[in-house]
Amino acid sequence: MKQLRKAQKASFFVAIISYLAGIGCVLATIYYSNELGGNHPVVASFGAAVVFFVGAGIVLHVIGRVDLPDLKIRSEPNGGNRKD
């Protein structure tokens, strides 16, 4: 099983919040579209927010679940002096 780092867990949590915000914006778009009409700037703003939140959620979801290699630089024994 892969080990997830704290930053990956946090980004997955923010991705879930972003998905929920996108769902909320979809509901707001539907509500305000009925109240104000489809050509109102508020409806367009909520529609743009849906695209933003879903896109950010996808990116953060991938970052949170990908298997990242360990990229730490470790010093070699003997001070890094190798004889080839």
C-alpha atoms as a PDB file:
ATOM      1  CA  MET A   1       0.000   0.000   0.000  1.00  0.00           C
ATOM      2  CA  LYS A   2       1.293   3.425  -0.861  1.00  0.00           C
ATOM      3  CA  GLN A   3       2.091   5.983   1.814  1.00  0.00           C
ATOM      4  CA  LEU A   4       0.351   9.332   1.533  1.00  0.00           C
ATOM      5  CA  ARG A   5       2.082  12.407   2.845  1.00  0.00           C
ATOM      6  CA  LYS A   6       0.349  15.084   4.926  1.00  0.00           C
ATOM      7  CA  ALA A   7       0.241  17.485   1.982  1.00  0.00           C
ATOM      8  CA  GLN A   8      -1.425  14.838  -0.174  1.00  0.00           C
ATOM      9  CA  LYS A   9      -4.040  14.176   2.486  1.00  0.00           C
ATOM     10  CA  ALA A  10      -4.697  17.910   2.794  1.00  0.00           C
ATOM     11  CA  SER A  11      -5.026  18.356  -0.974  1.00  0.00           C
ATOM     12  CA  PHE A  12      -7.502  15.470  -1.177  1.00  0.00           C
ATOM     13  CA  PHE A  13      -9.548  17.069   1.630  1.00  0.00           C
ATOM     14  CA  VAL A  14      -9.562  20.415  -0.214  1.00  0.00           C
ATOM     15  CA  ALA A  15     -10.589  18.562  -3.399  1.00  0.00           C
ATOM     16  CA  ILE A  16     -13.665  17.208  -1.623  1.00  0.00           C
ATOM     17  CA  ILE A  17     -14.519  20.717  -0.417  1.00  0.00           C
ATOM     18  CA  SER A  18     -14.037  21.999  -3.966  1.00  0.00           C
ATOM     19  CA  TYR A  19     -16.427  19.360  -5.342  1.00  0.00           C
ATOM     20  CA  LEU A  20     -19.023  20.351  -2.749  1.00  0.00           C
ATOM     21  CA  ALA A  21     -18.609  24.028  -3.652  1.00  0.00           C
ATOM     22  CA  GLY A  22     -19.101  23.105  -7.315  1.00  0.00           C
ATOM     23  CA  ILE A  23     -22.346  21.300  -6.463  1.00  0.00           C
ATOM     24  CA  GLY A  24     -23.478  24.333  -4.480  1.00  0.00           C
ATOM     25  CA  CYS A  25     -22.724  26.596  -7.440  1.00  0.00           C
ATOM     26  CA  VAL A  26     -24.703  24.316  -9.771  1.00  0.00           C
ATOM     27  CA  LEU A  27     -27.686  24.598  -7.433  1.00  0.00           C
ATOM     28  CA  ALA A  28     -27.253  28.378  -7.223  1.00  0.00           C
ATOM     29  CA  THR A  29     -27.022  28.599 -11.015  1.00  0.00           C
ATOM     30  CA  ILE A  30     -30.280  26.698 -11.402  1.00  0.00           C
ATOM     31  CA  TYR A  31     -32.042  28.774  -8.725  1.00  0.00           C
ATOM     32  CA  TYR A  32     -30.897  32.167 -10.009  1.00  0.00           C
ATOM     33  CA  SER A  33     -31.523  31.167 -13.602  1.00  0.00           C
ATOM     34  CA  ASN A  34     -35.189  30.696 -12.729  1.00  0.00           C
ATOM     35  CA  GLU A  35     -35.337  33.895 -10.655  1.00  0.00           C
ATOM     36  CA  LEU A  36     -33.274  36.312 -12.754  1.00  0.00           C
ATOM     37  CA  GLY A  37     -33.215  34.757 -16.217  1.00  0.00           C
ATOM     38  CA  GLY A  38     -30.443  32.965 -18.041  1.00  0.00           C
ATOM     39  CA  ASN A  39     -28.742  36.122 -19.346  1.00  0.00           C
ATOM     40  CA  HIS A  40     -28.093  37.729 -15.956  1.00  0.00           C
ATOM     41  CA  PRO A  41     -24.431  38.257 -14.904  1.00  0.00           C
ATOM     42  CA  VAL A  42     -25.017  36.493 -11.573  1.00  0.00           C
ATOM     43  CA  VAL A  43     -26.027  33.316 -13.393  1.00  0.00           C
ATOM     44  CA  ALA A  44     -22.927  33.548 -15.606  1.00  0.00           C
ATOM     45  CA  SER A  45     -20.723  34.049 -12.546  1.00  0.00           C
ATOM     46  CA  PHE A  46     -22.068  30.963 -10.831  1.00  0.00           C
ATOM     47  CA  GLY A  47     -21.650  29.002 -14.059  1.00  0.00           C
ATOM     48  CA  ALA A  48     -17.997  30.071 -14.247  1.00  0.00           C
ATOM     49  CA  ALA A  49     -17.535  29.139 -10.591  1.00  0.00           C
ATOM     50  CA  VAL A  50     -18.785  25.621 -11.375  1.00  0.00           C
ATOM     51  CA  VAL A  51     -16.058  25.194 -13.990  1.00  0.00           C
ATOM     52  CA  PHE A  52     -13.407  26.562 -11.614  1.00  0.00           C
ATOM     53  CA  PHE A  53     -14.352  24.423  -8.610  1.00  0.00           C
ATOM     54  CA  VAL A  54     -14.687  21.207 -10.602  1.00  0.00           C
ATOM     55  CA  GLY A  55     -11.362  21.825 -12.376  1.00  0.00           C
ATOM     56  CA  ALA A  56      -9.563  22.614  -9.121  1.00  0.00           C
ATOM     57  CA  GLY A  57     -11.152  19.563  -7.512  1.00  0.00           C
ATOM     58  CA  ILE A  58      -9.906  17.263 -10.267  1.00  0.00           C
ATOM     59  CA  VAL A  59      -6.348  18.602 -10.055  1.00  0.00           C
ATOM     60  CA  LEU A  60      -6.242  18.381  -6.249  1.00  0.00           C
ATOM     61  CA  HIS A  61      -7.815  14.915  -6.325  1.00  0.00           C
ATOM     62  CA  VAL A  62      -5.074  13.644  -8.630  1.00  0.00           C
ATOM     63  CA  ILE A  63      -2.359  15.263  -6.491  1.00  0.00           C
ATOM     64  CA  GLY A  64      -3.877  13.721  -3.379  1.00  0.00           C
ATOM     65  CA  ARG A  65      -4.061  10.176  -4.747  1.00  0.00           C
ATOM     66  CA  VAL A  66      -1.001   9.796  -6.995  1.00  0.00           C
ATOM     67  CA  ASP A  67       1.869   7.559  -5.868  1.00  0.00           C
ATOM     68  CA  LEU A  68       4.740  10.036  -5.583  1.00  0.00           C
ATOM     69  CA  PRO A  69       8.302   8.742  -5.312  1.00  0.00           C
ATOM     70  CA  ASP A  70      10.563   9.735  -2.439  1.00  0.00           C
ATOM     71  CA  LEU A  71      12.687  12.565  -3.867  1.00  0.00           C
ATOM     72  CA  LYS A  72      14.745  13.363  -0.774  1.00  0.00           C
ATOM     73  CA  ILE A  73      18.445  13.881  -1.338  1.00  0.00           C
ATOM     74  CA  ARG A  74      20.425  11.600   0.914  1.00  0.00           C
ATOM     75  CA  SER A  75      24.126  11.851   1.548  1.00  0.00           C
ATOM     76  CA  GLU A  76      26.235   8.853   0.634  1.00  0.00           C
ATOM     77  CA  PRO A  77      28.476   7.073   3.105  1.00  0.00           C
ATOM     78  CA  ASN A  78      32.182   8.037   3.021  1.00  0.00           C
ATOM     79  CA  GLY A  79      31.334  11.651   2.257  1.00  0.00           C
ATOM     80  CA  GLY A  80      30.170  10.915  -1.268  1.00  0.00           C
ATOM     81  CA  ASN A  81      33.641   9.929  -2.501  1.00  0.00           C
ATOM     82  CA  ARG A  82      33.171   6.973  -4.808  1.00  0.00           C
ATOM     83  CA  LYS A  83      35.862   5.138  -6.640  1.00  0.00           C
ATOM     84  CA  ASP A  84      34.668   3.798  -9.975  1.00  0.00           C
END
